Amino acid sequence: MVLEVLYSQGFQIQNNGDISLQVWYPKLWWDGLPTRDSFRVKFDEPEDYVTASSGRLNLKTGYYESPGVTTRFAFWLSNNVQAEERESAGVQIRVLYTENGKECALLCLETAADVIEFFKDFYGVFPLDSLTIIPGATRPMGGYPYASGLVVIHGQEAFADAPELHWKWITAHEIGHQYWGEYIMSDDNPENYTNSWLMIGMGILSDRMWVESRGLEDDKHNNFFNRFLEGLKSYYDITADAPESLKSQQEYDRNNVLIHGKGYSIVSALRSVLGEKIFQRAYMRCIEEFAGKRMGYRDLWRLAEEESGESLDWFFEQWVRSTKYLCYQITEADSRPEDNGFITEITVEPCGETIFMPVDLKVIFKDGSYQTAHIDRFSNLSKFVFRSSSELEDAKLDPLHRLAMLEKPLHILPKELPLKVRKLPYNGGWKEGFELYKLALDSDVQDYNIWFKLGMVVFEGGYLDESFTCFERIMDLNAPADYIFMARTWFGNIRDAQGKRDEALKFYQIALEAAPGDDGWRHDQFGIQSSREWIESRLKSSFDWNTVIKK
């Protein structure tokens, strides 16, 4: 079947002589079916203009041809540029540049040839027959995908204003998106893959792999981590898989903070969790199974689980569907002589509301030697002992720089307090409970339920005066009679625990006057009750609190 459509499209010549034809033809929508388009376009070029196209010019037919375009088949023309080209791995590479941008453009051309050769060897394919780099703004601020097979690199005329690494990296970065977004289309954001944190993150990871293969610095990739971490410190909601109702509240630089920053942080963290071999298998299956199709993060989730043989719900639920963050700290580092060498002890602890996940540790000694260790995701406290012939010089978490990790936990905001207190476990939650207690003091909390739970939780950690304060707050509020009774009982319990028997007896007597007739409330984690029977027993003898209080 042949469908013929007649249409017209106007254009404007920019002040600098450029002509942009990004959207110039009707587009067929295949009712959501995953498909890529192929093109053969006859184009009569204006005289004295240099043309860039999403397709490669077939000199025999005179058509610009492309076997597969995802976003759009575009043209860009200018009477103010020159062109250089070369072939790499069967791909025609062209750069268009102004006279002042020539030095930069030639470096980008050389880099593109190396990047395409690397990618084609790594992936086994390059999605298109041609790639053209066109100039953008006058200052070096990155680049963007102009269309399929066409990328913009900004600031070529200001070549000296950025280090050589920047130009190499941005070239690899934009080429990476020809795979992730063009070759593999976005299922999470079908209309525009540049709004997909998965496509952007996978694309950034591809240029990270090229950077690693060439032994270059990874400062650019650390910058992506930092964008995400700065967003966390600003208390932005950075839920990656957010419903529309939540997206409307993400009023910040979502492109840089979430899509680029957190997007790359997620896929890099997955690489760290799976390990190189397993991750590469899952990564390559994405290329093999979704070429020319749409892929969403749940597809990556499935492939990662199939290759690892493990459930990764814990990873994706926390990294993708929450605002939780990663924070581990080296809390102790001691190195001392022993026998003919040194013994070094390192303690690593998860902090705040961290995502519990595997983290690598590298310990470096003054003679240049080093040793490594691995913190598993189930450890609340990890202690390592290293023996060496030289003294400790440094200890580093995540030595390969694959994790976006905060150096210290975020402060809890007052508006978060009620939900966080409700989520506190009665057993084992006293560390976090103590931090929430301090916040509650500063926030003038008027909810007796919050003070009751905090009093119970911090008591377990041995914070007896703080627990007493919590129950005092209940007495100041319009709490029900049973809460008032329990608060008075706990006054006696706490003073008993502190060895203040006379005070304890007074509080028990006051509580007994309002004791309920039933069995009261049980607090089995401490082996006690808030009941008449319990108080009468405590009037006769104190309780051995050393069996329940954890210092």
Protein backbone atom coordinates (compact mmCIF):
# COMPACT_ATOMS: atom_id res chain seq x y z
CA MET A 1 0.00 0.00 0.00
CA VAL A 2 1.25 3.48 -0.86
CA LEU A 3 -0.05 6.54 0.96
CA GLU A 4 0.58 9.85 -0.76
CA VAL A 5 0.32 13.06 1.25
CA LEU A 6 0.59 16.57 -0.10
CA TYR A 7 1.83 19.16 2.37
CA SER A 8 3.91 22.32 2.60
CA GLN A 9 6.31 23.62 5.23
CA GLY A 10 7.82 27.04 5.56
CA PHE A 11 11.09 27.95 7.25
CA GLN A 12 13.03 30.99 8.33
CA ILE A 13 16.65 31.88 7.73
CA GLN A 14 18.29 32.82 11.01
CA ASN A 15 20.30 36.00 11.36
CA ASN A 16 23.53 34.03 11.10
CA GLY A 17 22.35 32.35 7.90
CA ASP A 18 21.32 29.02 9.43
CA ILE A 19 18.21 27.11 8.31
CA SER A 20 16.59 24.61 10.66
CA LEU A 21 14.26 21.89 9.39
CA GLN A 22 13.57 19.76 12.44
CA VAL A 23 9.83 19.26 11.99
CA TRP A 24 8.98 19.55 8.31
CA TYR A 25 6.95 16.48 7.33
CA PRO A 26 3.76 14.73 8.51
CA LYS A 27 4.42 11.90 10.92
CA LEU A 28 2.58 8.61 10.96
CA TRP A 29 1.57 7.32 14.36
CA TRP A 30 1.21 3.57 14.55
CA ASP A 31 -1.17 3.48 17.52
CA GLY A 32 1.66 3.08 20.02
CA LEU A 33 3.37 0.21 18.22
CA PRO A 34 7.14 0.17 18.71
CA THR A 35 8.59 1.02 15.35
CA ARG A 36 11.35 3.01 13.71
CA ASP A 37 11.02 4.87 10.43
CA SER A 38 13.20 4.65 7.34
CA PHE A 39 13.69 7.51 4.89
CA ARG A 40 14.77 8.32 1.34
CA VAL A 41 14.67 12.08 0.80
CA LYS A 42 15.53 14.04 -2.33
CA PHE A 43 16.73 17.47 -1.31
CA ASP A 44 17.69 20.35 -3.60
CA GLU A 45 20.26 22.29 -1.65
CA PRO A 46 20.39 26.09 -1.85
CA GLU A 47 23.52 27.41 -3.48
CA ASP A 48 26.44 28.24 -1.14
CA TYR A 49 24.88 26.29 1.76
CA VAL A 50 26.40 23.33 3.61
CA THR A 51 23.82 20.67 4.50
CA ALA A 52 23.62 18.34 7.49
CA SER A 53 21.06 15.55 7.42
CA SER A 54 19.81 12.61 9.45
CA GLY A 55 20.59 10.43 6.44
CA ARG A 56 23.67 9.69 4.40
CA LEU A 57 23.76 11.05 0.87
CA ASN A 58 23.70 8.27 -1.72
CA LEU A 59 25.81 9.69 -4.52
CA LYS A 60 24.31 7.28 -7.07
CA THR A 61 20.66 8.13 -6.40
CA GLY A 62 21.00 11.66 -5.03
CA TYR A 63 18.83 10.74 -2.04
CA TYR A 64 19.61 11.20 1.63
CA GLU A 65 18.91 7.78 3.08
CA SER A 66 18.52 6.35 6.57
CA PRO A 67 17.48 2.79 7.38
CA GLY A 68 16.14 3.70 10.80
CA VAL A 69 15.21 6.98 12.47
CA THR A 70 13.50 7.24 15.85
CA THR A 71 12.98 10.87 16.74
CA ARG A 72 12.90 12.69 13.39
CA PHE A 73 14.62 13.00 10.04
CA ALA A 74 15.97 16.53 10.04
CA PHE A 75 18.05 18.92 7.98
CA TRP A 76 20.27 21.78 9.11
CA LEU A 77 21.83 24.19 6.64
CA SER A 78 24.18 27.12 6.93
CA ASN A 79 26.08 29.44 4.63
CA ASN A 80 28.45 30.28 7.48
CA VAL A 81 30.20 26.95 8.06
CA GLN A 82 32.66 24.55 6.57
CA ALA A 83 32.65 20.76 6.75
CA GLU A 84 35.16 18.01 7.44
CA GLU A 85 34.39 14.31 7.30
CA ARG A 86 35.89 10.88 7.73
CA GLU A 87 34.81 7.26 7.86
CA SER A 88 34.95 5.09 10.98
CA ALA A 89 33.70 1.51 11.23
CA GLY A 90 31.58 2.04 8.13
CA VAL A 91 29.97 5.22 9.52
CA GLN A 92 30.29 8.58 7.78
CA ILE A 93 31.18 11.24 10.37
CA ARG A 94 30.94 14.93 9.55
CA VAL A 95 31.54 18.07 11.58
CA LEU A 96 30.27 21.48 10.54
CA TYR A 97 32.07 24.46 12.01
CA THR A 98 32.68 28.17 11.76
CA GLU A 99 36.22 29.35 11.16
CA ASN A 100 36.75 30.15 14.84
CA GLY A 101 35.49 26.73 15.84
CA LYS A 102 37.69 24.67 13.54
CA GLU A 103 40.22 23.47 16.12
CA CYS A 104 37.48 22.23 18.42
CA ALA A 105 35.49 20.65 15.59
CA LEU A 106 38.49 18.66 14.38
CA LEU A 107 39.06 17.32 17.91
CA CYS A 108 35.38 16.33 18.08
CA LEU A 109 35.71 14.63 14.68
CA GLU A 110 38.74 12.65 15.79
CA THR A 111 37.03 11.73 19.05
CA ALA A 112 33.80 10.71 17.31
CA ALA A 113 35.73 8.32 15.08
CA ASP A 114 37.29 6.67 18.12
CA VAL A 115 34.01 6.58 20.05
CA ILE A 116 32.06 5.03 17.18
CA GLU A 117 34.75 2.41 16.63
CA PHE A 118 34.67 1.57 20.36
CA PHE A 119 30.87 1.46 20.51
CA LYS A 120 30.54 -0.62 17.38
CA ASP A 121 33.05 -3.11 18.75
CA PHE A 122 31.36 -3.08 22.17
CA TYR A 123 27.71 -3.20 21.06
CA GLY A 124 28.30 -4.98 17.76
CA VAL A 125 26.43 -2.28 15.83
CA PHE A 126 26.11 1.45 15.26
CA PRO A 127 22.46 2.40 14.71
CA LEU A 128 22.97 4.70 11.70
CA ASP A 129 25.12 5.00 8.61
CA SER A 130 26.09 8.58 9.39
CA LEU A 131 26.58 11.04 12.22
CA THR A 132 26.91 14.80 11.89
CA ILE A 133 28.03 17.25 14.57
CA ILE A 134 26.74 20.78 14.15
CA PRO A 135 27.66 23.94 16.08
CA GLY A 136 25.36 25.40 18.70
CA ALA A 137 25.62 28.26 21.17
CA THR A 138 28.84 30.22 21.48
CA ARG A 139 29.77 29.02 24.97
CA PRO A 140 30.66 25.46 26.08
CA MET A 141 27.55 24.28 27.91
CA GLY A 142 27.19 20.72 26.66
CA GLY A 143 25.08 19.59 23.74
CA TYR A 144 21.82 17.96 22.75
CA PRO A 145 20.33 15.57 20.17
CA TYR A 146 19.11 17.74 17.29
CA ALA A 147 17.55 14.73 15.55
CA SER A 148 18.45 11.16 14.63
CA GLY A 149 22.06 11.14 13.46
CA LEU A 150 22.45 14.87 14.18
CA VAL A 151 23.94 16.21 17.41
CA VAL A 152 24.75 19.71 18.58
CA ILE A 153 27.90 20.52 20.53
CA HIS A 154 27.86 24.00 22.03
CA GLY A 155 30.72 26.46 22.32
CA GLN A 156 33.13 25.25 19.66
CA GLU A 157 34.32 28.82 19.11
CA ALA A 158 35.30 28.96 22.80
CA PHE A 159 37.50 25.88 22.58
CA ALA A 160 40.07 27.21 25.05
CA ASP A 161 37.43 27.93 27.72
CA ALA A 162 36.98 24.24 28.55
CA PRO A 163 39.53 21.45 29.05
CA GLU A 164 40.14 18.95 26.27
CA LEU A 165 38.40 16.29 28.36
CA HIS A 166 35.14 18.24 28.13
CA TRP A 167 35.10 18.13 24.33
CA LYS A 168 35.97 14.46 24.21
CA TRP A 169 33.40 13.58 26.81
CA ILE A 170 30.52 15.59 25.31
CA THR A 171 31.20 13.97 21.94
CA ALA A 172 30.99 10.49 23.45
CA HIS A 173 27.98 11.56 25.50
CA GLU A 174 25.91 12.68 22.50
CA ILE A 175 26.88 9.62 20.49
CA GLY A 176 25.75 7.41 23.37
CA HIS A 177 22.21 8.74 22.94
CA GLN A 178 22.13 7.38 19.40
CA TYR A 179 21.82 4.00 21.12
CA TRP A 180 19.77 4.89 24.19
CA GLY A 181 16.82 6.86 22.85
CA GLU A 182 17.34 6.42 19.12
CA TYR A 183 18.26 2.75 18.61
CA ILE A 184 16.30 1.74 21.72
CA MET A 185 13.23 3.89 22.20
CA SER A 186 11.75 5.03 25.48
CA ASP A 187 8.70 3.26 26.84
CA ASP A 188 8.54 5.40 29.98
CA ASN A 189 8.38 8.63 27.94
CA PRO A 190 7.27 7.65 24.41
CA GLU A 191 7.00 11.19 23.05
CA ASN A 192 10.45 12.41 24.03
CA TYR A 193 13.22 10.15 25.27
CA THR A 194 15.16 13.11 26.65
CA ASN A 195 12.56 13.16 29.45
CA SER A 196 13.33 9.54 30.30
CA TRP A 197 15.76 9.13 33.20
CA LEU A 198 16.42 5.55 32.03
CA MET A 199 17.42 6.47 28.47
CA ILE A 200 19.51 9.41 29.66
CA GLY A 201 21.10 7.36 32.45
CA MET A 202 21.97 4.46 30.14
CA GLY A 203 23.38 6.91 27.60
CA ILE A 204 25.61 8.53 30.21
CA LEU A 205 26.78 5.11 31.34
CA SER A 206 27.79 4.30 27.77
CA ASP A 207 30.09 7.33 27.58
CA ARG A 208 31.41 6.42 31.05
CA MET A 209 32.46 3.05 29.63
CA TRP A 210 34.31 4.78 26.79
CA VAL A 211 36.01 7.14 29.28
CA GLU A 212 37.09 4.14 31.37
CA SER A 213 38.41 2.30 28.32
CA ARG A 214 40.62 5.28 27.44
CA GLY A 215 41.87 5.85 30.98
CA LEU A 216 40.39 9.37 31.17
CA GLU A 217 39.26 11.16 34.32
CA ASP A 218 35.67 10.63 35.46
CA ASP A 219 35.09 14.18 36.75
CA LYS A 220 32.17 14.67 34.37
CA HIS A 221 30.37 11.64 35.71
CA ASN A 222 30.98 12.69 39.30
CA ASN A 223 29.29 15.95 38.34
CA PHE A 224 26.13 14.02 37.46
CA PHE A 225 26.22 12.43 40.91
CA ASN A 226 26.67 15.86 42.45
CA ARG A 227 23.63 17.28 40.65
CA PHE A 228 21.52 14.55 42.22
CA LEU A 229 23.10 14.95 45.67
CA GLU A 230 22.61 18.71 45.65
CA GLY A 231 18.95 18.11 44.83
CA LEU A 232 18.71 15.82 47.85
CA LYS A 233 20.33 18.44 50.08
CA SER A 234 17.74 20.93 48.83
CA TYR A 235 15.01 18.48 49.91
CA TYR A 236 13.55 18.22 46.42
CA ASP A 237 11.25 15.32 45.74
CA ILE A 238 13.38 13.22 43.40
CA THR A 239 11.10 10.22 42.92
CA ALA A 240 12.11 8.87 39.50
CA ASP A 241 8.90 6.92 38.81
CA ALA A 242 6.57 9.68 39.97
CA PRO A 243 2.84 9.90 39.18
CA GLU A 244 1.63 13.05 37.46
CA SER A 245 0.28 14.40 40.75
CA LEU A 246 3.82 14.28 42.17
CA LYS A 247 5.57 15.46 39.03
CA SER A 248 3.62 18.70 39.30
CA GLN A 249 5.42 19.30 42.59
CA GLN A 250 8.88 18.68 41.15
CA GLU A 251 9.41 22.35 40.45
CA TYR A 252 13.17 22.47 40.07
CA ASP A 253 15.69 21.82 37.31
CA ARG A 254 14.25 18.36 36.77
CA ASN A 255 16.33 17.75 33.64
CA ASN A 256 19.66 18.15 35.40
CA VAL A 257 18.81 17.00 38.91
CA LEU A 258 16.50 14.05 38.28
CA ILE A 259 16.73 12.93 34.65
CA HIS A 260 20.50 13.33 34.22
CA GLY A 261 21.67 13.30 37.85
CA LYS A 262 19.55 10.61 39.44
CA GLY A 263 19.05 8.74 36.17
CA TYR A 264 22.76 8.09 35.83
CA SER A 265 23.09 7.47 39.58
CA ILE A 266 20.50 4.68 39.40
CA VAL A 267 22.03 2.73 36.52
CA SER A 268 25.55 3.20 37.88
CA ALA A 269 24.41 1.91 41.29
CA LEU A 270 22.85 -1.11 39.57
CA ARG A 271 26.17 -1.76 37.87
CA SER A 272 27.87 -1.68 41.27
CA VAL A 273 25.29 -4.01 42.85
CA LEU A 274 25.35 -6.64 40.09
CA GLY A 275 29.08 -6.58 39.45
CA GLU A 276 30.66 -6.06 36.07
CA LYS A 277 30.05 -9.46 34.48
CA ILE A 278 26.38 -9.78 35.40
CA PHE A 279 25.63 -6.16 34.62
CA GLN A 280 27.26 -6.41 31.19
CA ARG A 281 25.12 -9.42 30.36
CA ALA A 282 21.94 -7.56 31.30
CA TYR A 283 23.15 -4.42 29.52
CA MET A 284 23.86 -6.26 26.28
CA ARG A 285 20.53 -8.06 26.43
CA CYS A 286 18.89 -4.63 26.39
CA ILE A 287 20.65 -3.88 23.10
CA GLU A 288 19.83 -7.27 21.62
CA GLU A 289 16.19 -7.53 22.70
CA PHE A 290 15.03 -3.92 22.39
CA ALA A 291 16.72 -2.71 19.22
CA GLY A 292 14.06 -0.76 17.34
CA LYS A 293 11.60 -1.25 20.21
CA ARG A 294 10.47 0.58 23.30
CA MET A 295 12.10 -0.15 26.65
CA GLY A 296 11.16 0.98 30.15
CA TYR A 297 12.88 0.65 33.50
CA ARG A 298 10.80 -2.41 34.39
CA ASP A 299 12.39 -4.17 31.41
CA LEU A 300 15.84 -3.42 32.83
CA TRP A 301 14.57 -4.64 36.21
CA ARG A 302 13.45 -7.95 34.68
CA LEU A 303 16.67 -8.53 32.73
CA ALA A 304 18.82 -7.70 35.76
CA GLU A 305 16.90 -10.21 37.86
CA GLU A 306 17.13 -12.89 35.19
CA GLU A 307 20.88 -12.47 34.84
CA SER A 308 21.60 -12.22 38.55
CA GLY A 309 19.12 -14.86 39.66
CA GLU A 310 18.11 -12.58 42.54
CA SER A 311 15.12 -10.41 43.38
CA LEU A 312 15.96 -6.74 42.96
CA ASP A 313 12.72 -5.34 44.36
CA TRP A 314 14.71 -3.79 47.20
CA PHE A 315 16.90 -1.90 44.72
CA PHE A 316 14.31 -0.52 42.31
CA GLU A 317 11.70 0.26 44.96
CA GLN A 318 14.18 2.40 46.87
CA TRP A 319 16.19 3.98 44.04
CA VAL A 320 13.36 4.50 41.57
CA ARG A 321 10.14 4.76 43.56
CA SER A 322 11.24 6.68 46.64
CA THR A 323 13.36 9.64 47.71
CA LYS A 324 15.71 7.54 49.83
CA TYR A 325 19.42 8.12 49.45
CA LEU A 326 22.74 6.35 49.98
CA CYS A 327 24.89 7.33 52.97
CA TYR A 328 27.67 5.25 54.49
CA GLN A 329 30.48 6.61 56.67
CA ILE A 330 33.85 5.41 57.90
CA THR A 331 33.32 6.07 61.61
CA GLU A 332 36.59 4.63 62.91
CA ALA A 333 40.03 4.18 61.31
CA ASP A 334 42.89 3.06 63.53
CA SER A 335 46.34 1.82 62.50
CA ARG A 336 48.93 0.65 65.02
CA PRO A 337 52.20 -1.33 65.03
CA GLU A 338 51.98 -5.02 65.77
CA ASP A 339 54.76 -7.62 65.53
CA ASN A 340 56.74 -6.73 62.38
CA GLY A 341 53.99 -4.75 60.69
CA PHE A 342 50.77 -2.89 61.30
CA ILE A 343 47.21 -3.80 62.10
CA THR A 344 44.46 -1.49 60.82
CA GLU A 345 40.87 -1.52 62.01
CA ILE A 346 38.15 0.18 59.96
CA THR A 347 34.51 0.58 60.98
CA VAL A 348 31.83 1.47 58.42
CA GLU A 349 28.26 2.37 59.34
CA PRO A 350 25.12 3.17 57.33
CA CYS A 351 23.73 6.58 58.26
CA GLY A 352 20.33 8.24 58.29
CA GLU A 353 17.66 6.87 56.00
CA THR A 354 20.18 5.20 53.76
CA ILE A 355 19.49 2.67 51.08
CA PHE A 356 21.15 -0.46 52.41
CA MET A 357 23.26 -1.87 49.60
CA PRO A 358 26.70 -3.35 48.93
CA VAL A 359 29.56 -0.84 49.12
CA ASP A 360 33.25 -1.42 48.41
CA LEU A 361 36.03 -0.26 50.73
CA LYS A 362 39.64 0.38 49.68
CA VAL A 363 42.35 0.76 52.32
CA ILE A 364 45.61 2.36 51.11
CA PHE A 365 48.90 2.10 52.98
CA LYS A 366 51.89 4.45 52.99
CA ASP A 367 54.06 2.08 50.95
CA GLY A 368 51.54 2.29 48.07
CA SER A 369 49.96 -1.10 48.68
CA TYR A 370 46.24 -1.47 49.26
CA GLN A 371 43.59 -3.96 50.31
CA THR A 372 39.85 -4.09 49.66
CA ALA A 373 36.77 -5.23 51.50
CA HIS A 374 33.06 -5.48 50.73
CA ILE A 375 30.20 -4.23 52.90
CA ASP A 376 27.07 -6.28 52.34
CA ARG A 377 23.64 -4.67 52.34
CA PHE A 378 22.45 -6.48 55.45
CA SER A 379 25.05 -5.03 57.84
CA ASN A 380 24.20 -2.27 60.31
CA LEU A 381 27.82 -2.12 61.40
CA SER A 382 30.85 -3.48 59.53
CA LYS A 383 34.25 -3.88 61.17
CA PHE A 384 37.32 -4.89 59.17
CA VAL A 385 40.84 -5.80 60.25
CA PHE A 386 43.77 -5.46 57.82
CA ARG A 387 47.35 -6.59 58.37
CA SER A 388 50.09 -4.85 56.43
CA SER A 389 53.78 -4.01 56.43
CA SER A 390 53.04 -0.29 56.28
CA GLU A 391 50.89 2.18 58.19
CA LEU A 392 47.45 3.32 57.01
CA GLU A 393 47.41 6.34 54.71
CA ASP A 394 43.80 6.52 53.54
CA ALA A 395 40.54 4.61 53.43
CA LYS A 396 37.94 5.17 50.72
CA LEU A 397 34.40 4.00 50.18
CA ASP A 398 33.34 3.32 46.58
CA PRO A 399 36.86 3.55 45.12
CA LEU A 400 35.58 3.11 41.53
CA HIS A 401 33.25 6.14 41.87
CA ARG A 402 30.11 4.28 40.87
CA LEU A 403 27.83 5.45 43.66
CA ALA A 404 26.13 8.76 44.35
CA MET A 405 26.63 8.77 48.10
CA LEU A 406 26.08 11.52 50.65
CA GLU A 407 28.94 12.18 53.06
CA LYS A 408 26.51 12.75 55.94
CA PRO A 409 22.79 12.06 56.37
CA LEU A 410 20.17 14.70 55.68
CA HIS A 411 18.50 16.52 58.52
CA ILE A 412 14.89 15.50 59.04
CA LEU A 413 12.39 18.23 58.26
CA PRO A 414 9.66 19.00 60.81
CA LYS A 415 6.91 18.20 58.28
CA GLU A 416 8.37 14.69 57.93
CA LEU A 417 8.28 13.99 61.67
CA PRO A 418 4.80 12.41 62.11
CA LEU A 419 5.23 9.88 59.31
CA LYS A 420 8.75 8.97 60.39
CA VAL A 421 7.69 8.42 63.98
CA ARG A 422 4.80 6.20 62.87
CA LYS A 423 7.24 4.11 60.84
CA LEU A 424 9.66 3.66 63.75
CA PRO A 425 9.87 0.08 65.02
CA TYR A 426 9.34 -0.36 68.75
CA ASN A 427 12.34 -2.66 68.81
CA GLY A 428 15.71 -1.52 67.49
CA GLY A 429 14.63 1.96 66.38
CA TRP A 430 16.20 3.93 69.23
CA LYS A 431 19.05 5.50 67.21
CA GLU A 432 16.70 7.07 64.69
CA GLY A 433 14.20 7.67 67.48
CA PHE A 434 16.69 9.81 69.39
CA GLU A 435 17.21 12.02 66.32
CA LEU A 436 13.46 12.36 65.90
CA TYR A 437 13.14 13.18 69.60
CA LYS A 438 15.53 16.13 69.19
CA LEU A 439 13.54 17.35 66.20
CA ALA A 440 10.27 16.99 68.11
CA LEU A 441 11.64 19.16 70.93
CA ASP A 442 12.45 21.94 68.48
CA SER A 443 9.13 21.61 66.63
CA ASP A 444 6.69 22.01 69.55
CA VAL A 445 4.82 18.81 68.68
CA GLN A 446 1.25 18.73 70.04
CA ASP A 447 0.43 15.08 69.24
CA TYR A 448 0.46 12.85 72.34
CA ASN A 449 0.79 9.73 70.13
CA ILE A 450 4.15 10.96 68.83
CA TRP A 451 5.46 11.67 72.33
CA PHE A 452 4.28 8.30 73.62
CA LYS A 453 6.02 6.33 70.89
CA LEU A 454 9.20 8.40 71.13
CA GLY A 455 9.25 7.85 74.88
CA MET A 456 9.04 4.11 74.41
CA VAL A 457 11.60 3.99 71.61
CA VAL A 458 14.33 6.14 73.16
CA PHE A 459 13.93 4.32 76.48
CA GLU A 460 15.27 1.19 74.80
CA GLY A 461 18.48 3.04 73.98
CA GLY A 462 19.04 4.11 77.55
CA TYR A 463 17.98 7.73 77.00
CA LEU A 464 16.09 7.79 80.29
CA ASP A 465 15.85 11.53 80.92
CA GLU A 466 14.74 12.02 77.31
CA SER A 467 12.12 9.30 77.71
CA PHE A 468 10.88 10.99 80.90
CA THR A 469 10.54 14.28 78.96
CA CYS A 470 8.41 12.55 76.31
CA PHE A 471 5.94 11.31 78.92
CA GLU A 472 5.92 14.74 80.56
CA ARG A 473 4.76 16.21 77.25
CA ILE A 474 1.80 13.82 77.24
CA MET A 475 0.70 15.24 80.59
CA ASP A 476 0.67 18.75 79.07
CA LEU A 477 -1.65 17.76 76.22
CA ASN A 478 -5.31 16.85 76.02
CA ALA A 479 -4.56 13.14 76.07
CA PRO A 480 -7.10 10.38 76.93
CA ALA A 481 -7.16 8.97 80.44
CA ASP A 482 -5.38 5.74 79.49
CA TYR A 483 -2.43 7.71 78.07
CA ILE A 484 -2.25 9.83 81.21
CA PHE A 485 -2.19 6.62 83.27
CA MET A 486 0.57 5.11 81.13
CA ALA A 487 2.63 8.30 81.34
CA ARG A 488 2.44 8.25 85.14
CA THR A 489 3.38 4.56 85.17
CA TRP A 490 6.38 5.28 82.98
CA PHE A 491 7.50 8.08 85.29
CA GLY A 492 7.83 5.40 87.95
CA ASN A 493 9.47 2.92 85.56
CA ILE A 494 12.10 5.44 84.48
CA ARG A 495 12.97 6.63 87.97
CA ASP A 496 13.24 2.98 89.03
CA ALA A 497 15.61 2.38 86.12
CA GLN A 498 17.73 5.33 87.28
CA GLY A 499 17.96 3.97 90.82
CA LYS A 500 15.76 6.78 92.19
CA ARG A 501 13.52 4.50 94.19
CA ASP A 502 11.84 7.14 96.36
CA GLU A 503 10.71 9.15 93.33
CA ALA A 504 9.61 5.98 91.58
CA LEU A 505 7.38 5.02 94.49
CA LYS A 506 5.67 8.44 94.47
CA PHE A 507 4.88 8.13 90.76
CA TYR A 508 3.63 4.57 91.16
CA GLN A 509 1.26 5.72 93.93
CA ILE A 510 -0.14 8.52 91.74
CA ALA A 511 -0.59 6.11 88.83
CA LEU A 512 -2.32 3.56 91.03
CA GLU A 513 -5.05 6.04 91.83
CA ALA A 514 -6.09 6.15 88.16
CA ALA A 515 -5.32 2.53 87.25
CA PRO A 516 -7.89 0.83 84.97
CA GLY A 517 -9.76 -2.24 86.03
CA ASP A 518 -8.63 -4.35 83.08
CA ASP A 519 -5.20 -5.74 82.22
CA GLY A 520 -3.97 -2.41 80.86
CA TRP A 521 -1.31 -2.25 78.14
CA ARG A 522 1.49 -4.72 77.59
CA HIS A 523 5.03 -3.67 76.60
CA ASP A 524 6.49 -7.08 75.93
CA GLN A 525 9.78 -5.80 74.51
CA PHE A 526 10.59 -4.70 78.07
CA GLY A 527 8.70 -7.45 79.87
CA ILE A 528 6.41 -4.97 81.63
CA GLN A 529 2.78 -3.79 81.62
CA SER A 530 0.96 -0.56 82.30
CA SER A 531 -1.60 -2.09 84.63
CA ARG A 532 -2.77 -2.12 88.25
CA GLU A 533 -1.11 -5.51 88.83
CA TRP A 534 2.22 -4.21 87.50
CA ILE A 535 2.18 -1.12 89.72
CA GLU A 536 1.31 -3.13 92.82
CA SER A 537 4.27 -5.41 92.08
CA ARG A 538 6.58 -2.40 91.63
CA LEU A 539 5.52 -0.99 94.99
CA LYS A 540 6.93 -4.15 96.53
CA SER A 541 10.10 -4.48 94.43
CA SER A 542 11.93 -2.63 91.69
CA PHE A 543 12.59 -4.13 88.28
CA ASP A 544 15.97 -5.35 86.96
CA TRP A 545 16.22 -2.87 84.08
CA ASN A 546 19.67 -4.03 82.98
CA THR A 547 17.97 -6.86 81.14
CA VAL A 548 16.15 -4.55 78.75
CA ILE A 549 18.14 -1.30 78.44
CA LYS A 550 20.74 -1.28 75.67
CA LYS A 551 23.48 1.24 76.30
